[in-house]
Amino acid sequence: MKAFMTIGTLSFLQQLTKKHPSTNIYLMNHTEENSSLAYYEGIGKNIFTAGKTYDILLTTKELRESGFVIMHNIPITKENQPIFEERMEKALNTIEKIPGFYAGRLLKHIKKHHYVVLTQWASLHDFDRWKTSDTFIALSTKHMQPAYFASRAFTTSYIMYDENE
């Protein structure tokens, strides 16, 4: 299974969803920038002209139409990929038991040594509560060692777009 993403203005991405009504495309608004992201999972060719394609390595729970999304973008050195993937699997299996957690994905770019750890939460408050927990601190210390990183990691955050709001 693959995950596909592209960015753009909300109005542009809404047109893509209308053009592909049989594809379950999740729209998300960036929390700090005036941009949006479209995300969908499936098989076959990417419907986005200028999108990125990822292999879905791990899935925990189903994505929802609402909530707060965090994407940790992490470039990992080739030799450290197997251990990173194993540790992320353990981490996501721990996180899925946290109150307010909706869904998680471990995504690997199909051409680069780049991963996205996507987590979806009921709210920013739930994510913040998780971020300050002892479990988060232990997992961060144990699983997110910068020695694995090929370059600097970064995080982006989104609010799921709800056309009814």
Foldseek 3Di string as FASTA:
>chain_A
DKKKKDKAAPVVVVVVCVVPVVFDWWKWAFPPDRMIMIMGDDDDDDPDPPMFMWDWPDKDADDDLWFKKKKKKFQFDPVCVVVLSVLVVVLLVVVSVQPFWHMWTWIQTPPGSMIITMTTGRYPVSVVVVCPDPSNVVSCVVRVDCVRGPDDMDMTMTTTDDPVD
